[in-house]
C-alpha atoms as a PDB file:
ATOM      1  CA  MET A   1       7.402   8.083  19.937  1.00  0.00           C
ATOM      2  CA  ALA A   2       6.238  11.595  18.998  1.00  0.00           C
ATOM      3  CA  LYS A   3       4.048  13.541  21.088  1.00  0.00           C
ATOM      4  CA  ARG A   4       0.476  14.233  19.739  1.00  0.00           C
ATOM      5  CA  LYS A   5      -0.131  17.919  18.458  1.00  0.00           C
ATOM      6  CA  GLY A   6      -2.763  19.516  20.957  1.00  0.00           C
ATOM      7  CA  TRP A   7      -6.534  19.837  19.315  1.00  0.00           C
ATOM      8  CA  ASN A   8      -6.218  23.163  18.292  1.00  0.00           C
ATOM      9  CA  ASP A   9      -2.966  22.626  16.611  1.00  0.00           C
ATOM     10  CA  LEU A  10      -5.474  20.348  14.172  1.00  0.00           C
ATOM     11  CA  SER A  11      -6.846  21.733  10.978  1.00  0.00           C
ATOM     12  CA  PRO A  12     -10.236  21.812  10.761  1.00  0.00           C
ATOM     13  CA  GLY A  13     -10.293  19.203   8.088  1.00  0.00           C
ATOM     14  CA  TYR A  14      -8.169  16.312  10.064  1.00  0.00           C
ATOM     15  CA  ARG A  15     -10.412  17.620  13.043  1.00  0.00           C
ATOM     16  CA  GLU A  16     -13.525  16.721  10.973  1.00  0.00           C
ATOM     17  CA  ARG A  17     -11.731  13.312  10.224  1.00  0.00           C
ATOM     18  CA  ILE A  18     -11.206  12.531  13.588  1.00  0.00           C
ATOM     19  CA  LEU A  19     -15.138  13.348  14.743  1.00  0.00           C
ATOM     20  CA  LYS A  20     -16.450  11.199  11.413  1.00  0.00           C
ATOM     21  CA  ALA A  21     -14.481   8.576  12.535  1.00  0.00           C
ATOM     22  CA  GLY A  22     -16.528   8.660  15.898  1.00  0.00           C
ATOM     23  CA  LEU A  23     -13.675   9.694  18.107  1.00  0.00           C
ATOM     24  CA  THR A  24     -14.428  12.834  20.489  1.00  0.00           C
ATOM     25  CA  ARG A  25     -11.985  15.672  21.017  1.00  0.00           C
ATOM     26  CA  GLU A  26     -11.725  14.195  24.547  1.00  0.00           C
ATOM     27  CA  ASP A  27     -10.831  10.970  23.170  1.00  0.00           C
ATOM     28  CA  PHE A  28      -8.397  12.497  20.538  1.00  0.00           C
ATOM     29  CA  GLU A  29      -6.776  14.446  24.010  1.00  0.00           C
ATOM     30  CA  SER A  30      -6.517  11.215  26.492  1.00  0.00           C
ATOM     31  CA  GLY A  31      -4.440   9.764  23.801  1.00  0.00           C
ATOM     32  CA  ALA A  32      -7.098   7.392  22.104  1.00  0.00           C
ATOM     33  CA  SER A  33      -5.714   5.534  18.881  1.00  0.00           C
ATOM     34  CA  ILE A  34      -6.964   7.544  15.673  1.00  0.00           C
ATOM     35  CA  LYS A  35      -5.802   4.879  13.395  1.00  0.00           C
ATOM     36  CA  LYS A  36      -9.718   4.299  11.879  1.00  0.00           C
ATOM     37  CA  ALA A  37      -9.534   8.094  11.430  1.00  0.00           C
ATOM     38  CA  ARG A  38      -6.616   7.870   9.110  1.00  0.00           C
ATOM     39  CA  GLY A  39      -8.128   4.995   7.302  1.00  0.00           C
ATOM     40  CA  HIS A  40      -6.377   1.937   9.025  1.00  0.00           C
ATOM     41  CA  ALA A  41      -8.412   0.231  11.281  1.00  0.00           C
ATOM     42  CA  ASN A  42      -8.170  -3.202   9.300  1.00  0.00           C
ATOM     43  CA  THR A  43      -4.702  -2.463   7.316  1.00  0.00           C
ATOM     44  CA  PRO A  44      -1.367  -1.642   8.880  1.00  0.00           C
ATOM     45  CA  GLU A  45      -0.023   2.255   7.770  1.00  0.00           C
ATOM     46  CA  ARG A  46       2.954   0.964   6.228  1.00  0.00           C
ATOM     47  CA  PRO A  47       3.065  -2.590   3.991  1.00  0.00           C
ATOM     48  CA  VAL A  48       6.642  -3.471   5.208  1.00  0.00           C
ATOM     49  CA  ASN A  49       7.214  -5.510   7.926  1.00  0.00           C
ATOM     50  CA  PHE A  50       3.610  -5.808   9.307  1.00  0.00           C
ATOM     51  CA  SER A  51       2.006  -8.347  11.153  1.00  0.00           C
ATOM     52  CA  PRO A  52      -0.263 -10.637   8.997  1.00  0.00           C
ATOM     53  CA  GLN A  53      -1.436 -12.142  12.935  1.00  0.00           C
ATOM     54  CA  LYS A  54      -2.650  -8.650  13.245  1.00  0.00           C
ATOM     55  CA  PHE A  55      -4.180  -7.966   9.611  1.00  0.00           C
ATOM     56  CA  PRO A  56      -5.054 -11.352   8.205  1.00  0.00           C
ATOM     57  CA  LYS A  57      -7.507 -10.595   5.697  1.00  0.00           C
ATOM     58  CA  TYR A  58      -4.669  -7.730   4.517  1.00  0.00           C
ATOM     59  CA  ALA A  59      -2.093 -10.419   4.521  1.00  0.00           C
ATOM     60  CA  ALA A  60      -4.259 -13.043   2.504  1.00  0.00           C
ATOM     61  CA  GLU A  61      -5.329 -10.144  -0.203  1.00  0.00           C
ATOM     62  CA  ARG A  62      -1.934  -9.294  -0.262  1.00  0.00           C
ATOM     63  CA  LYS A  63      -0.299 -12.175  -0.922  1.00  0.00           C
ATOM     64  CA  ARG A  64      -2.996 -13.313  -3.384  1.00  0.00           C
ATOM     65  CA  LEU A  65      -2.693  -9.695  -5.407  1.00  0.00           C
ATOM     66  CA  THR A  66       1.375  -9.977  -5.275  1.00  0.00           C
ATOM     67  CA  GLN A  67       1.525 -13.900  -6.793  1.00  0.00           C
ATOM     68  CA  GLU A  68      -0.965 -12.568  -9.232  1.00  0.00           C
ATOM     69  CA  MET A  69       1.047  -9.497 -10.401  1.00  0.00           C
ATOM     70  CA  ILE A  70       4.231 -11.616 -10.415  1.00  0.00           C
ATOM     71  CA  ARG A  71       2.523 -14.464 -12.507  1.00  0.00           C
ATOM     72  CA  LYS A  72       1.274 -11.560 -14.778  1.00  0.00           C
ATOM     73  CA  LYS A  73       4.755 -10.617 -14.872  1.00  0.00           C
ATOM     74  CA  GLU A  74       6.356 -13.690 -15.956  1.00  0.00           C
ATOM     75  CA  GLN A  75       3.341 -13.849 -18.702  1.00  0.00           C
ATOM     76  CA  LEU A  76       4.128 -10.562 -20.291  1.00  0.00           C
ATOM     77  CA  PHE A  77       7.302 -10.319 -19.746  1.00  0.00           C
ATOM     78  CA  GLY A  78       9.422 -13.852 -19.192  1.00  0.00           C
ATOM     79  CA  ASP A  79      10.367 -14.218 -22.950  1.00  0.00           C
ATOM     80  CA  ARG A  80      12.447 -10.896 -22.797  1.00  0.00           C
ATOM     81  CA  LEU A  81      16.310 -11.401 -22.335  1.00  0.00           C
ATOM     82  CA  LYS A  82      16.445  -8.760 -19.321  1.00  0.00           C
ATOM     83  CA  PHE A  83      13.443 -10.400 -17.337  1.00  0.00           C
ATOM     84  CA  ASN A  84      15.108 -12.220 -14.362  1.00  0.00           C
ATOM     85  CA  GLY A  85      12.120 -13.644 -12.073  1.00  0.00           C
ATOM     86  CA  ARG A  86      13.556 -13.693  -8.719  1.00  0.00           C
ATOM     87  CA  ARG A  87      14.710  -9.945  -9.223  1.00  0.00           C
ATOM     88  CA  SER A  88      11.207  -9.092 -10.544  1.00  0.00           C
ATOM     89  CA  SER A  89       9.446 -11.262  -7.337  1.00  0.00           C
ATOM     90  CA  GLU A  90      11.858  -9.514  -4.725  1.00  0.00           C
ATOM     91  CA  ILE A  91      10.627  -5.651  -5.443  1.00  0.00           C
ATOM     92  CA  PHE A  92       7.534  -6.463  -3.568  1.00  0.00           C
ATOM     93  CA  ALA A  93       9.262  -7.246  -0.379  1.00  0.00           C
ATOM     94  CA  LYS A  94      11.706  -4.650  -0.668  1.00  0.00           C
ATOM     95  CA  LYS A  95       9.236  -1.628  -1.550  1.00  0.00           C
ATOM     96  CA  PRO A  96       5.742  -3.141  -1.784  1.00  0.00           C
ATOM     97  CA  PRO A  97       3.387  -1.233  -3.284  1.00  0.00           C
ATOM     98  CA  SER A  98      -0.084  -0.155  -1.888  1.00  0.00           C
ATOM     99  CA  LEU A  99      -2.617  -2.847  -2.424  1.00  0.00           C
ATOM    100  CA  ALA A 100      -4.527   0.062  -4.916  1.00  0.00           C
ATOM    101  CA  LYS A 101      -1.691   0.241  -6.892  1.00  0.00           C
ATOM    102  CA  LEU A 102      -1.763  -3.768  -7.073  1.00  0.00           C
ATOM    103  CA  ARG A 103      -5.104  -4.063  -7.974  1.00  0.00           C
ATOM    104  CA  TRP A 104      -4.642  -1.588 -10.954  1.00  0.00           C
ATOM    105  CA  ALA A 105      -1.854  -3.284 -12.039  1.00  0.00           C
ATOM    106  CA  VAL A 106      -3.351  -6.702 -12.301  1.00  0.00           C
ATOM    107  CA  ALA A 107      -6.232  -5.455 -14.118  1.00  0.00           C
ATOM    108  CA  ALA A 108      -4.098  -3.307 -16.552  1.00  0.00           C
ATOM    109  CA  ASP A 109      -3.347  -4.117 -19.969  1.00  0.00           C
ATOM    110  CA  GLU A 110       0.614  -4.256 -21.218  1.00  0.00           C
ATOM    111  CA  GLY A 111       0.848  -1.092 -22.902  1.00  0.00           C
ATOM    112  CA  GLU A 112      -0.931   0.818 -19.718  1.00  0.00           C
ATOM    113  CA  LEU A 113       1.647  -1.266 -17.636  1.00  0.00           C
ATOM    114  CA  ILE A 114       4.332   0.475 -19.647  1.00  0.00           C
ATOM    115  CA  ASP A 115       3.049   3.387 -20.047  1.00  0.00           C
ATOM    116  CA  ALA A 116       2.801   3.602 -15.893  1.00  0.00           C
ATOM    117  CA  ILE A 117       6.598   2.585 -16.039  1.00  0.00           C
ATOM    118  CA  ARG A 118       7.614   5.499 -18.515  1.00  0.00           C
ATOM    119  CA  GLU A 119       5.694   8.019 -16.548  1.00  0.00           C
ATOM    120  CA  ASP A 120       6.794   7.132 -13.105  1.00  0.00           C
ATOM    121  CA  SER A 121       9.308   4.585 -12.702  1.00  0.00           C
ATOM    122  CA  GLU A 122       9.819   5.242  -9.047  1.00  0.00           C
ATOM    123  CA  THR A 123       6.066   4.671  -8.275  1.00  0.00           C
ATOM    124  CA  PHE A 124       5.778   1.796 -10.535  1.00  0.00           C
ATOM    125  CA  ALA A 125       9.094   0.175  -9.759  1.00  0.00           C
ATOM    126  CA  PHE A 126       7.153  -3.318  -8.866  1.00  0.00           C
ATOM    127  CA  ILE A 127       5.867  -3.618 -12.441  1.00  0.00           C
ATOM    128  CA  GLY A 128       9.326  -3.543 -13.872  1.00  0.00           C
ATOM    129  CA  TYR A 129      10.674  -6.780 -14.960  1.00  0.00           C
ATOM    130  CA  HIS A 130      14.543  -6.581 -13.875  1.00  0.00           C
END
């Protein structure tokens, strides 16, 4: 694990963020967890290979949204020749999108989804259907 920067090496904004999360300079310097300050008190920092036992609410929400998105893709693209349901579903395990992106995609209409893929195919690869 990389050594943590010293308090004085942090930007003023980041120090403020840590303080707002309820940690003191002493807490930070003693090596206390700063997950909460980074916004990950209840979510994993990276959605790949996270522990569902550690984050049960997050795991349930991710599963629900992923299943909704898979159903939506099948409804929107299932009749297209290039649609491959298995490959279309595998992307969620290989490169899982954030919950925010999943929520957006579940609520978006077909035109918005297609526009997102055209504008940023890498970020929105999970929407693709082949």
